[in-house]
Structures are given as C-alpha cells and as structure tokens.
C-alpha cells in the first residue's frame, strides 16, 4: 500500500477552491481517501489517498489528470500536486535565489544599468530553459557587463531586488521546526550574502565576482557554481548534518536547479521553466513560497512570524 497526499493550493486571496472540494471527494473512491483537512481556510487543502492492488498509482494519476485537473479545476488558479505521505516535514531546505527567493534575475538588473538588459535577459532565459550551457552563458553575460562599478551593484540591490512573497515565512517556519536552510545560487555572493541575511537563511553560497579597482572585470573567482555544484551542495549539507536525502527539500526555477531538485526528497519547481516543472516532484505556479510549507503538511497556524 502506498500512502499519498493530494494537495490543492490556491493563489492567495483568489477563493479558487470555493465549491470544488466536495467534487474532488466525489471523484476519489471512498475506500481510498481519508484525513481530508484545510491547512489554511480557502487557500490550502489536502486529502490522504491510499493506492493498492484495487486502486493503483496509474488509476490515481488518471483521476488527477482528467477528472480533477482538467474538469473540476479547469482554469482556476490552483496548484494540484500529489506528494508522498511519509516523512513530509523536511530537515534541510536548499533554495535557488534568482526568480525563486527574489523576484528578479540579478544579472539582468545589473545589465539594465548599462542599457543591456534585453540582450542579457535573452541569454538568461535560454540558459534557464536549458537551451544553453549554464557556465558558458554566465561567462558570456559577465563579459558584456565588465566595467560595472561596485557602487552600481549596491544600487541594484537596494533599489531593484525584492523578495518573493512568502520567502521569509518559509525560512522562518522551517527553522522554527529545526530545519537547516541554505541559499545556493548560480548568481553572485554580492547578492546572496545580503538576501540570505535579510530572509533569514543559515548559510549561502554562489559565485564570487572578481572586482578590481572598484570595477567588475567580467570574471568570477574560482570555478563557476552551476548545476553540479548545486547538487554537490545538497549532498554536502545533508551529510554534514546527518540528514537523509529523503528528509530534504530543494526549490528552484531554472535548468541549473534540476539536479538538486531531482535528488532531494521533495523537489519543487517554483514558477519554473517547462523543463523544470516537467521533472520536479511538485510544481507551484499560483501559490507563494508558503506553498512549500503546505506541501510538507504545515498548517497556517504553525507558521512562524517572519
């Protein structure tokens, strides 16, 4: 028997779950479902589903895809996921930064200072979709914005960078329940150190910009932190804390996050590129970052005040 949880998370304030819960319960076989509950009124709801010889995983998948997603939810702004029912609350969070914990791509905002945002953003988009090798794409973009002064980097952080809704609550709540939290980015330590401090992460790592005489040289110090380095970070932090990979959660939006998302106990694609959403264990499009808490079974009453 396989114990699963069907999770519905609506866009905050949308009331998109009005009238749908009874329809979903009617679709799921009565003998297979139990423990339905609201994690947050009108926003997050879940139900336990048991799969066995009489009701297989393929049967559930068909009901979810056809009966629930295509029929009951239709165009409603609701994230529908099926996650394992065991070991739900994770002990380690690994999060990407750009377009995940913050709402921007830092390198695109840096390029905007020089009037190069459209050109740089096009490369960023292709790299995040997995159409370009991450390391080569990063070096190309850095070369184009070489000469940007350090004071401009400070101005970018102070005036252009905003946190994703729910970021601080996600981190604070996981820490409240004993998890270790790490911000691991293919971006730059200039930004991750500041974002990690503001959001509350325990640690951070990223690429280090080479700056000489107050200007970017267009290079990074040391090897580029990309997809494999993110995966290595997941293993390293888990091993250091004696945490099984099954007890970890990783979240990101781009192709360079795929390895860590696939290896984590719960890998979440957050407002992600199609290649990432297709391979992640769960995908969040409409919810904010507190959706990662609902996926772990936390009720809103348990959230930390961030």
C-alpha atoms as a PDB file:
ATOM      1  CA  UNK A   1       0.000   0.000   0.000  1.00  0.00           C
ATOM      2  CA  UNK A   2       1.262   3.462  -0.920  1.00  0.00           C
ATOM      3  CA  UNK A   3       0.224   6.418   1.187  1.00  0.00           C
ATOM      4  CA  UNK A   4      -0.008   9.641  -0.834  1.00  0.00           C
ATOM      5  CA  UNK A   5      -1.347  13.122  -0.235  1.00  0.00           C
ATOM      6  CA  UNK A   6      -3.284  15.056  -2.849  1.00  0.00           C
ATOM      7  CA  UNK A   7      -2.583  18.757  -2.252  1.00  0.00           C
ATOM      8  CA  UNK A   8      -4.525  21.761  -3.525  1.00  0.00           C
ATOM      9  CA  UNK A   9      -3.035  25.223  -3.040  1.00  0.00           C
ATOM     10  CA  UNK A  10      -4.853  28.261  -4.423  1.00  0.00           C
ATOM     11  CA  UNK A  11      -3.496  31.637  -5.369  1.00  0.00           C
ATOM     12  CA  UNK A  12      -3.720  33.683  -2.139  1.00  0.00           C
ATOM     13  CA  UNK A  13      -6.932  35.685  -1.972  1.00  0.00           C
ATOM     14  CA  UNK A  14      -8.427  34.081  -5.083  1.00  0.00           C
ATOM     15  CA  UNK A  15     -11.133  31.954  -3.402  1.00  0.00           C
ATOM     16  CA  UNK A  16     -10.395  29.494  -6.217  1.00  0.00           C
ATOM     17  CA  UNK A  17     -11.215  26.473  -4.039  1.00  0.00           C
ATOM     18  CA  UNK A  18     -14.813  27.541  -3.465  1.00  0.00           C
ATOM     19  CA  UNK A  19     -17.168  24.741  -4.412  1.00  0.00           C
ATOM     20  CA  UNK A  20     -14.518  22.262  -5.588  1.00  0.00           C
ATOM     21  CA  UNK A  21     -13.713  20.177  -2.515  1.00  0.00           C
ATOM     22  CA  UNK A  22     -16.930  18.154  -2.495  1.00  0.00           C
ATOM     23  CA  UNK A  23     -16.499  17.461  -6.224  1.00  0.00           C
ATOM     24  CA  UNK A  24     -12.981  16.151  -5.680  1.00  0.00           C
ATOM     25  CA  UNK A  25     -14.051  13.949  -2.794  1.00  0.00           C
ATOM     26  CA  UNK A  26     -16.806  12.553  -5.005  1.00  0.00           C
ATOM     27  CA  UNK A  27     -14.283  11.652  -7.717  1.00  0.00           C
ATOM     28  CA  UNK A  28     -11.887   9.801  -5.402  1.00  0.00           C
ATOM     29  CA  UNK A  29     -13.017   6.292  -4.363  1.00  0.00           C
ATOM     30  CA  UNK A  30     -14.413   6.426  -0.823  1.00  0.00           C
ATOM     31  CA  UNK A  31     -12.362   3.444   0.364  1.00  0.00           C
ATOM     32  CA  UNK A  32      -9.110   5.040  -0.771  1.00  0.00           C
ATOM     33  CA  UNK A  33      -9.459   8.508   0.768  1.00  0.00           C
ATOM     34  CA  UNK A  34      -9.244   9.789   4.351  1.00  0.00           C
ATOM     35  CA  UNK A  35      -7.959  12.570   6.600  1.00  0.00           C
ATOM     36  CA  UNK A  36      -9.108  15.483   4.458  1.00  0.00           C
ATOM     37  CA  UNK A  37      -8.211  18.803   6.071  1.00  0.00           C
ATOM     38  CA  UNK A  38      -7.779  22.506   5.482  1.00  0.00           C
ATOM     39  CA  UNK A  39      -4.225  23.718   6.105  1.00  0.00           C
ATOM     40  CA  UNK A  40      -5.356  27.280   5.511  1.00  0.00           C
ATOM     41  CA  UNK A  41      -9.021  28.219   5.063  1.00  0.00           C
ATOM     42  CA  UNK A  42      -9.926  28.725   1.385  1.00  0.00           C
ATOM     43  CA  UNK A  43      -6.248  28.518   0.377  1.00  0.00           C
ATOM     44  CA  UNK A  44      -4.714  25.098   1.072  1.00  0.00           C
ATOM     45  CA  UNK A  45      -6.468  21.733   1.386  1.00  0.00           C
ATOM     46  CA  UNK A  46      -5.270  18.150   1.274  1.00  0.00           C
ATOM     47  CA  UNK A  47      -6.570  14.613   1.393  1.00  0.00           C
ATOM     48  CA  UNK A  48      -4.867  11.306   2.054  1.00  0.00           C
ATOM     49  CA  UNK A  49      -5.144   8.691  -0.697  1.00  0.00           C
ATOM     50  CA  UNK A  50      -4.163   5.025  -0.410  1.00  0.00           C
ATOM     51  CA  UNK A  51      -3.007   3.173  -3.513  1.00  0.00           C
ATOM     52  CA  UNK A  52      -3.033  -0.634  -3.538  1.00  0.00           C
ATOM     53  CA  UNK A  53      -3.937  -3.554  -5.782  1.00  0.00           C
ATOM     54  CA  UNK A  54      -7.524  -2.354  -6.068  1.00  0.00           C
ATOM     55  CA  UNK A  55      -6.589   1.252  -6.829  1.00  0.00           C
ATOM     56  CA  UNK A  56      -3.176   1.639  -8.430  1.00  0.00           C
ATOM     57  CA  UNK A  57      -0.954   4.684  -8.896  1.00  0.00           C
ATOM     58  CA  UNK A  58      -1.980   4.795 -12.537  1.00  0.00           C
ATOM     59  CA  UNK A  59      -5.630   4.954 -11.510  1.00  0.00           C
ATOM     60  CA  UNK A  60      -4.932   7.925  -9.254  1.00  0.00           C
ATOM     61  CA  UNK A  61      -2.863   9.650 -11.943  1.00  0.00           C
ATOM     62  CA  UNK A  62      -5.718   9.294 -14.428  1.00  0.00           C
ATOM     63  CA  UNK A  63      -8.260  10.709 -11.991  1.00  0.00           C
ATOM     64  CA  UNK A  64      -5.984  13.603 -11.119  1.00  0.00           C
ATOM     65  CA  UNK A  65      -5.166  14.497 -14.727  1.00  0.00           C
ATOM     66  CA  UNK A  66      -8.604  14.038 -16.251  1.00  0.00           C
ATOM     67  CA  UNK A  67     -11.236  14.221 -13.556  1.00  0.00           C
ATOM     68  CA  UNK A  68      -9.685  16.820 -11.263  1.00  0.00           C
ATOM     69  CA  UNK A  69      -7.188  18.974 -13.168  1.00  0.00           C
ATOM     70  CA  UNK A  70      -8.993  19.116 -16.496  1.00  0.00           C
ATOM     71  CA  UNK A  71     -12.577  19.075 -15.226  1.00  0.00           C
ATOM     72  CA  UNK A  72     -13.041  20.295 -11.651  1.00  0.00           C
ATOM     73  CA  UNK A  73     -10.214  22.833 -11.517  1.00  0.00           C
ATOM     74  CA  UNK A  74     -10.154  23.773 -15.213  1.00  0.00           C
ATOM     75  CA  UNK A  75      -8.769  27.319 -15.435  1.00  0.00           C
ATOM     76  CA  UNK A  76      -8.810  28.019 -11.695  1.00  0.00           C
ATOM     77  CA  UNK A  77      -5.518  29.368 -10.229  1.00  0.00           C
ATOM     78  CA  UNK A  78      -4.854  26.258  -8.146  1.00  0.00           C
ATOM     79  CA  UNK A  79      -1.672  24.194  -7.794  1.00  0.00           C
ATOM     80  CA  UNK A  80      -2.512  20.483  -7.756  1.00  0.00           C
ATOM     81  CA  UNK A  81       0.181  18.074  -6.589  1.00  0.00           C
ATOM     82  CA  UNK A  82       0.455  14.528  -5.281  1.00  0.00           C
ATOM     83  CA  UNK A  83       3.252  14.020  -2.749  1.00  0.00           C
ATOM     84  CA  UNK A  84       4.379  11.092  -0.569  1.00  0.00           C
ATOM     85  CA  UNK A  85       2.586  10.843   2.743  1.00  0.00           C
ATOM     86  CA  UNK A  86       5.622   9.751   4.761  1.00  0.00           C
ATOM     87  CA  UNK A  87       8.482  11.892   6.120  1.00  0.00           C
ATOM     88  CA  UNK A  88       6.789  15.047   4.932  1.00  0.00           C
ATOM     89  CA  UNK A  89       8.458  17.604   7.171  1.00  0.00           C
ATOM     90  CA  UNK A  90      11.956  18.176   5.889  1.00  0.00           C
ATOM     91  CA  UNK A  91      15.103  18.868   7.878  1.00  0.00           C
ATOM     92  CA  UNK A  92      17.082  20.693   5.187  1.00  0.00           C
ATOM     93  CA  UNK A  93      15.992  23.372   2.698  1.00  0.00           C
ATOM     94  CA  UNK A  94      18.160  24.193  -0.334  1.00  0.00           C
ATOM     95  CA  UNK A  95      16.839  27.137  -2.344  1.00  0.00           C
ATOM     96  CA  UNK A  96      17.834  28.860  -5.537  1.00  0.00           C
ATOM     97  CA  UNK A  97      17.837  32.668  -5.318  1.00  0.00           C
ATOM     98  CA  UNK A  98      17.068  34.415  -8.614  1.00  0.00           C
ATOM     99  CA  UNK A  99      13.391  34.203  -9.613  1.00  0.00           C
ATOM    100  CA  UNK A 100      12.834  31.912  -6.618  1.00  0.00           C
ATOM    101  CA  UNK A 101      13.651  33.621  -3.317  1.00  0.00           C
ATOM    102  CA  UNK A 102      13.799  37.007  -5.041  1.00  0.00           C
ATOM    103  CA  UNK A 103      11.594  38.183  -7.887  1.00  0.00           C
ATOM    104  CA  UNK A 104      14.410  39.251 -10.208  1.00  0.00           C
ATOM    105  CA  UNK A 105      17.416  37.854 -12.073  1.00  0.00           C
ATOM    106  CA  UNK A 106      20.260  39.893 -10.579  1.00  0.00           C
ATOM    107  CA  UNK A 107      22.444  39.763 -13.682  1.00  0.00           C
ATOM    108  CA  UNK A 108      19.595  41.148 -15.812  1.00  0.00           C
ATOM    109  CA  UNK A 109      19.189  44.071 -13.417  1.00  0.00           C
ATOM    110  CA  UNK A 110      22.942  44.659 -13.446  1.00  0.00           C
ATOM    111  CA  UNK A 111      22.830  44.749 -17.247  1.00  0.00           C
ATOM    112  CA  UNK A 112      19.994  47.262 -17.177  1.00  0.00           C
ATOM    113  CA  UNK A 113      22.351  49.798 -15.605  1.00  0.00           C
ATOM    114  CA  UNK A 114      24.369  49.649 -18.835  1.00  0.00           C
ATOM    115  CA  UNK A 115      21.326  49.585 -21.101  1.00  0.00           C
ATOM    116  CA  UNK A 116      21.942  45.929 -21.965  1.00  0.00           C
ATOM    117  CA  UNK A 117      19.015  44.239 -20.210  1.00  0.00           C
ATOM    118  CA  UNK A 118      17.173  42.937 -23.323  1.00  0.00           C
ATOM    119  CA  UNK A 119      20.345  41.333 -24.683  1.00  0.00           C
ATOM    120  CA  UNK A 120      21.398  39.821 -21.348  1.00  0.00           C
ATOM    121  CA  UNK A 121      17.887  38.741 -20.352  1.00  0.00           C
ATOM    122  CA  UNK A 122      17.510  36.791 -23.603  1.00  0.00           C
ATOM    123  CA  UNK A 123      20.637  34.795 -22.773  1.00  0.00           C
ATOM    124  CA  UNK A 124      19.463  34.282 -19.178  1.00  0.00           C
ATOM    125  CA  UNK A 125      16.107  32.961 -20.368  1.00  0.00           C
ATOM    126  CA  UNK A 126      17.718  30.463 -22.747  1.00  0.00           C
ATOM    127  CA  UNK A 127      20.118  29.277 -20.060  1.00  0.00           C
ATOM    128  CA  UNK A 128      17.300  28.800 -17.547  1.00  0.00           C
ATOM    129  CA  UNK A 129      15.335  26.818 -20.122  1.00  0.00           C
ATOM    130  CA  UNK A 130      18.307  24.522 -20.587  1.00  0.00           C
ATOM    131  CA  UNK A 131      18.963  25.661 -24.151  1.00  0.00           C
ATOM    132  CA  UNK A 132      22.467  26.950 -23.331  1.00  0.00           C
ATOM    133  CA  UNK A 133      25.220  25.549 -21.117  1.00  0.00           C
ATOM    134  CA  UNK A 134      24.995  27.489 -17.859  1.00  0.00           C
ATOM    135  CA  UNK A 135      28.719  28.093 -17.376  1.00  0.00           C
ATOM    136  CA  UNK A 136      29.295  29.392 -20.902  1.00  0.00           C
ATOM    137  CA  UNK A 137      26.198  31.573 -20.750  1.00  0.00           C
ATOM    138  CA  UNK A 138      27.326  33.092 -17.462  1.00  0.00           C
ATOM    139  CA  UNK A 139      30.773  33.932 -18.790  1.00  0.00           C
ATOM    140  CA  UNK A 140      29.259  35.489 -21.917  1.00  0.00           C
ATOM    141  CA  UNK A 141      26.943  37.715 -19.901  1.00  0.00           C
ATOM    142  CA  UNK A 142      29.636  38.750 -17.454  1.00  0.00           C
ATOM    143  CA  UNK A 143      31.907  39.711 -20.329  1.00  0.00           C
ATOM    144  CA  UNK A 144      29.219  42.005 -21.682  1.00  0.00           C
ATOM    145  CA  UNK A 145      28.837  43.896 -18.399  1.00  0.00           C
ATOM    146  CA  UNK A 146      32.527  44.090 -17.460  1.00  0.00           C
ATOM    147  CA  UNK A 147      33.361  47.520 -16.069  1.00  0.00           C
ATOM    148  CA  UNK A 148      30.215  47.865 -13.970  1.00  0.00           C
ATOM    149  CA  UNK A 149      31.231  49.636 -10.779  1.00  0.00           C
ATOM    150  CA  UNK A 150      30.741  48.248  -7.299  1.00  0.00           C
ATOM    151  CA  UNK A 151      28.593  51.188  -6.215  1.00  0.00           C
ATOM    152  CA  UNK A 152      26.199  50.317  -9.036  1.00  0.00           C
ATOM    153  CA  UNK A 153      25.916  46.784  -7.656  1.00  0.00           C
ATOM    154  CA  UNK A 154      24.936  48.241  -4.297  1.00  0.00           C
ATOM    155  CA  UNK A 155      22.353  50.427  -6.002  1.00  0.00           C
ATOM    156  CA  UNK A 156      20.933  47.417  -7.856  1.00  0.00           C
ATOM    157  CA  UNK A 157      20.478  45.539  -4.591  1.00  0.00           C
ATOM    158  CA  UNK A 158      18.968  48.474  -2.737  1.00  0.00           C
ATOM    159  CA  UNK A 159      16.565  49.657  -5.440  1.00  0.00           C
ATOM    160  CA  UNK A 160      15.735  46.691  -7.676  1.00  0.00           C
ATOM    161  CA  UNK A 161      15.764  43.483  -5.628  1.00  0.00           C
ATOM    162  CA  UNK A 162      12.547  42.364  -3.921  1.00  0.00           C
ATOM    163  CA  UNK A 163      11.827  39.178  -2.014  1.00  0.00           C
ATOM    164  CA  UNK A 164       9.348  36.654  -3.342  1.00  0.00           C
ATOM    165  CA  UNK A 165       6.123  36.635  -1.288  1.00  0.00           C
ATOM    166  CA  UNK A 166       6.316  34.028   1.444  1.00  0.00           C
ATOM    167  CA  UNK A 167      10.118  33.734   1.397  1.00  0.00           C
ATOM    168  CA  UNK A 168      10.745  34.895   4.946  1.00  0.00           C
ATOM    169  CA  UNK A 169       7.835  32.858   6.321  1.00  0.00           C
ATOM    170  CA  UNK A 170       9.079  29.714   4.568  1.00  0.00           C
ATOM    171  CA  UNK A 171      12.577  30.039   6.003  1.00  0.00           C
ATOM    172  CA  UNK A 172      11.474  31.140   9.475  1.00  0.00           C
ATOM    173  CA  UNK A 173       8.963  28.304   9.798  1.00  0.00           C
ATOM    174  CA  UNK A 174      11.372  25.606   8.709  1.00  0.00           C
ATOM    175  CA  UNK A 175      13.962  26.924  11.142  1.00  0.00           C
ATOM    176  CA  UNK A 176      11.316  27.053  13.871  1.00  0.00           C
ATOM    177  CA  UNK A 177      10.839  23.308  13.426  1.00  0.00           C
ATOM    178  CA  UNK A 178      14.556  22.558  13.399  1.00  0.00           C
ATOM    179  CA  UNK A 179      15.482  22.579   9.712  1.00  0.00           C
ATOM    180  CA  UNK A 180      18.730  23.965   8.320  1.00  0.00           C
ATOM    181  CA  UNK A 181      18.315  26.427   5.447  1.00  0.00           C
ATOM    182  CA  UNK A 182      20.780  27.182   2.653  1.00  0.00           C
ATOM    183  CA  UNK A 183      20.597  29.652  -0.224  1.00  0.00           C
ATOM    184  CA  UNK A 184      22.586  28.171  -3.130  1.00  0.00           C
ATOM    185  CA  UNK A 185      22.743  30.238  -6.294  1.00  0.00           C
ATOM    186  CA  UNK A 186      24.371  30.314  -9.697  1.00  0.00           C
ATOM    187  CA  UNK A 187      24.389  34.076  -9.169  1.00  0.00           C
ATOM    188  CA  UNK A 188      26.775  36.071  -7.041  1.00  0.00           C
ATOM    189  CA  UNK A 189      27.784  36.219  -3.390  1.00  0.00           C
ATOM    190  CA  UNK A 190      27.485  40.004  -3.579  1.00  0.00           C
ATOM    191  CA  UNK A 191      23.725  39.430  -3.595  1.00  0.00           C
ATOM    192  CA  UNK A 192      23.308  36.075  -1.832  1.00  0.00           C
ATOM    193  CA  UNK A 193      25.001  37.285   1.353  1.00  0.00           C
ATOM    194  CA  UNK A 194      22.608  40.219   1.543  1.00  0.00           C
ATOM    195  CA  UNK A 195      19.496  38.240   0.572  1.00  0.00           C
ATOM    196  CA  UNK A 196      20.344  35.370   2.915  1.00  0.00           C
ATOM    197  CA  UNK A 197      20.744  37.792   5.808  1.00  0.00           C
ATOM    198  CA  UNK A 198      17.506  39.624   5.026  1.00  0.00           C
ATOM    199  CA  UNK A 199      15.424  36.470   4.527  1.00  0.00           C
ATOM    200  CA  UNK A 200      16.997  34.523   7.395  1.00  0.00           C
ATOM    201  CA  UNK A 201      18.916  31.664   5.753  1.00  0.00           C
ATOM    202  CA  UNK A 202      21.529  29.896   7.858  1.00  0.00           C
ATOM    203  CA  UNK A 203      24.104  29.981   5.070  1.00  0.00           C
ATOM    204  CA  UNK A 204      24.616  30.857   1.429  1.00  0.00           C
ATOM    205  CA  UNK A 205      26.952  30.123  -1.446  1.00  0.00           C
ATOM    206  CA  UNK A 206      27.278  31.423  -5.004  1.00  0.00           C
ATOM    207  CA  UNK A 207      29.855  32.709  -7.478  1.00  0.00           C
ATOM    208  CA  UNK A 208      32.243  35.450  -6.391  1.00  0.00           C
ATOM    209  CA  UNK A 209      32.574  38.373  -8.775  1.00  0.00           C
ATOM    210  CA  UNK A 210      36.113  39.500  -9.499  1.00  0.00           C
ATOM    211  CA  UNK A 211      36.288  43.209  -8.720  1.00  0.00           C
ATOM    212  CA  UNK A 212      39.448  45.263  -9.244  1.00  0.00           C
ATOM    213  CA  UNK A 213      39.788  48.990  -8.601  1.00  0.00           C
ATOM    214  CA  UNK A 214      36.064  49.114  -7.848  1.00  0.00           C
ATOM    215  CA  UNK A 215      35.011  47.617 -11.195  1.00  0.00           C
ATOM    216  CA  UNK A 216      33.853  44.195 -12.342  1.00  0.00           C
ATOM    217  CA  UNK A 217      36.437  42.502 -14.534  1.00  0.00           C
ATOM    218  CA  UNK A 218      33.874  40.234 -16.187  1.00  0.00           C
ATOM    219  CA  UNK A 219      35.281  37.154 -14.434  1.00  0.00           C
ATOM    220  CA  UNK A 220      34.463  35.151 -11.332  1.00  0.00           C
ATOM    221  CA  UNK A 221      36.914  33.991  -8.685  1.00  0.00           C
ATOM    222  CA  UNK A 222      37.333  30.225  -8.859  1.00  0.00           C
ATOM    223  CA  UNK A 223      35.152  27.624 -10.575  1.00  0.00           C
ATOM    224  CA  UNK A 224      31.618  28.575 -11.600  1.00  0.00           C
ATOM    225  CA  UNK A 225      28.879  27.320  -9.299  1.00  0.00           C
ATOM    226  CA  UNK A 226      26.357  25.673 -11.637  1.00  0.00           C
ATOM    227  CA  UNK A 227      24.085  22.640 -11.743  1.00  0.00           C
ATOM    228  CA  UNK A 228      26.569  20.072 -10.470  1.00  0.00           C
ATOM    229  CA  UNK A 229      27.792  22.371  -7.705  1.00  0.00           C
ATOM    230  CA  UNK A 230      24.207  22.853  -6.519  1.00  0.00           C
ATOM    231  CA  UNK A 231      23.749  19.102  -6.372  1.00  0.00           C
ATOM    232  CA  UNK A 232      27.042  18.758  -4.521  1.00  0.00           C
ATOM    233  CA  UNK A 233      25.883  21.403  -2.046  1.00  0.00           C
ATOM    234  CA  UNK A 234      22.740  19.417  -1.315  1.00  0.00           C
ATOM    235  CA  UNK A 235      24.785  16.295  -0.591  1.00  0.00           C
ATOM    236  CA  UNK A 236      27.359  18.231   1.421  1.00  0.00           C
ATOM    237  CA  UNK A 237      24.875  19.994   3.696  1.00  0.00           C
ATOM    238  CA  UNK A 238      22.861  16.808   4.186  1.00  0.00           C
ATOM    239  CA  UNK A 239      25.961  14.749   5.041  1.00  0.00           C
ATOM    240  CA  UNK A 240      27.317  17.405   7.411  1.00  0.00           C
ATOM    241  CA  UNK A 241      24.082  17.350   9.401  1.00  0.00           C
ATOM    242  CA  UNK A 242      23.460  13.631   9.199  1.00  0.00           C
ATOM    243  CA  UNK A 243      20.309  14.213   7.183  1.00  0.00           C
ATOM    244  CA  UNK A 244      18.989  11.599   4.789  1.00  0.00           C
ATOM    245  CA  UNK A 245      18.211  12.946   1.315  1.00  0.00           C
ATOM    246  CA  UNK A 246      14.622  11.805   1.838  1.00  0.00           C
ATOM    247  CA  UNK A 247      14.389  14.497   4.521  1.00  0.00           C
ATOM    248  CA  UNK A 248      15.461  17.370   2.254  1.00  0.00           C
ATOM    249  CA  UNK A 249      13.549  19.836   0.095  1.00  0.00           C
ATOM    250  CA  UNK A 250      15.020  21.750  -2.849  1.00  0.00           C
ATOM    251  CA  UNK A 251      13.340  24.546  -4.773  1.00  0.00           C
ATOM    252  CA  UNK A 252      14.261  26.424  -7.934  1.00  0.00           C
ATOM    253  CA  UNK A 253      13.066  27.607 -11.327  1.00  0.00           C
ATOM    254  CA  UNK A 254      15.831  27.014 -13.882  1.00  0.00           C
ATOM    255  CA  UNK A 255      17.577  24.166 -15.642  1.00  0.00           C
ATOM    256  CA  UNK A 256      20.629  24.523 -13.395  1.00  0.00           C
ATOM    257  CA  UNK A 257      18.377  23.552 -10.456  1.00  0.00           C
ATOM    258  CA  UNK A 258      17.256  20.258 -11.986  1.00  0.00           C
ATOM    259  CA  UNK A 259      19.911  18.020 -10.434  1.00  0.00           C
ATOM    260  CA  UNK A 260      19.319  19.168  -6.866  1.00  0.00           C
ATOM    261  CA  UNK A 261      15.539  19.145  -7.366  1.00  0.00           C
ATOM    262  CA  UNK A 262      15.692  15.576  -8.623  1.00  0.00           C
ATOM    263  CA  UNK A 263      17.926  14.361  -5.789  1.00  0.00           C
ATOM    264  CA  UNK A 264      16.037  15.962  -2.897  1.00  0.00           C
ATOM    265  CA  UNK A 265      13.337  14.132  -1.013  1.00  0.00           C
ATOM    266  CA  UNK A 266      10.926  16.783  -2.224  1.00  0.00           C
ATOM    267  CA  UNK A 267      11.973  18.719  -5.323  1.00  0.00           C
ATOM    268  CA  UNK A 268       9.794  21.724  -6.083  1.00  0.00           C
ATOM    269  CA  UNK A 269       9.637  23.706  -9.308  1.00  0.00           C
ATOM    270  CA  UNK A 270       8.618  27.224  -8.344  1.00  0.00           C
ATOM    271  CA  UNK A 271       7.110  29.309 -11.178  1.00  0.00           C
ATOM    272  CA  UNK A 272       9.620  27.394 -13.201  1.00  0.00           C
ATOM    273  CA  UNK A 273      10.642  26.864 -16.786  1.00  0.00           C
ATOM    274  CA  UNK A 274       8.796  23.969 -18.509  1.00  0.00           C
ATOM    275  CA  UNK A 275      11.796  21.633 -18.452  1.00  0.00           C
ATOM    276  CA  UNK A 276      11.990  22.013 -14.667  1.00  0.00           C
ATOM    277  CA  UNK A 277       8.253  21.740 -13.974  1.00  0.00           C
ATOM    278  CA  UNK A 278       8.120  18.555 -16.046  1.00  0.00           C
ATOM    279  CA  UNK A 279      10.719  16.769 -13.909  1.00  0.00           C
ATOM    280  CA  UNK A 280      10.123  18.123 -10.406  1.00  0.00           C
ATOM    281  CA  UNK A 281       8.215  16.163  -7.754  1.00  0.00           C
ATOM    282  CA  UNK A 282       5.861  19.111  -7.298  1.00  0.00           C
ATOM    283  CA  UNK A 283       5.194  22.349  -9.154  1.00  0.00           C
ATOM    284  CA  UNK A 284       3.951  25.662  -7.779  1.00  0.00           C
ATOM    285  CA  UNK A 285       2.687  28.286 -10.216  1.00  0.00           C
ATOM    286  CA  UNK A 286      -0.081  30.125  -8.385  1.00  0.00           C
ATOM    287  CA  UNK A 287       0.863  29.922  -4.709  1.00  0.00           C
ATOM    288  CA  UNK A 288       3.565  31.936  -2.984  1.00  0.00           C
ATOM    289  CA  UNK A 289       6.546  30.330  -1.246  1.00  0.00           C
ATOM    290  CA  UNK A 290       4.450  29.294   1.757  1.00  0.00           C
ATOM    291  CA  UNK A 291       3.171  26.609  -0.637  1.00  0.00           C
ATOM    292  CA  UNK A 292       6.333  24.659   0.222  1.00  0.00           C
ATOM    293  CA  UNK A 293       5.115  24.543   3.811  1.00  0.00           C
ATOM    294  CA  UNK A 294       1.681  23.277   2.788  1.00  0.00           C
ATOM    295  CA  UNK A 295       3.333  20.567   0.684  1.00  0.00           C
ATOM    296  CA  UNK A 296       5.080  19.451   3.888  1.00  0.00           C
ATOM    297  CA  UNK A 297       1.801  19.353   5.796  1.00  0.00           C
ATOM    298  CA  UNK A 298       2.209  22.513   7.855  1.00  0.00           C
ATOM    299  CA  UNK A 299      -0.974  24.346   8.792  1.00  0.00           C
ATOM    300  CA  UNK A 300      -1.029  28.129   8.687  1.00  0.00           C
ATOM    301  CA  UNK A 301      -1.404  28.234  12.465  1.00  0.00           C
ATOM    302  CA  UNK A 302       2.081  26.720  12.691  1.00  0.00           C
ATOM    303  CA  UNK A 303       3.785  29.354  10.565  1.00  0.00           C
ATOM    304  CA  UNK A 304       6.466  31.439  12.198  1.00  0.00           C
ATOM    305  CA  UNK A 305       6.038  35.200  12.300  1.00  0.00           C
ATOM    306  CA  UNK A 306       8.703  36.433   9.897  1.00  0.00           C
END
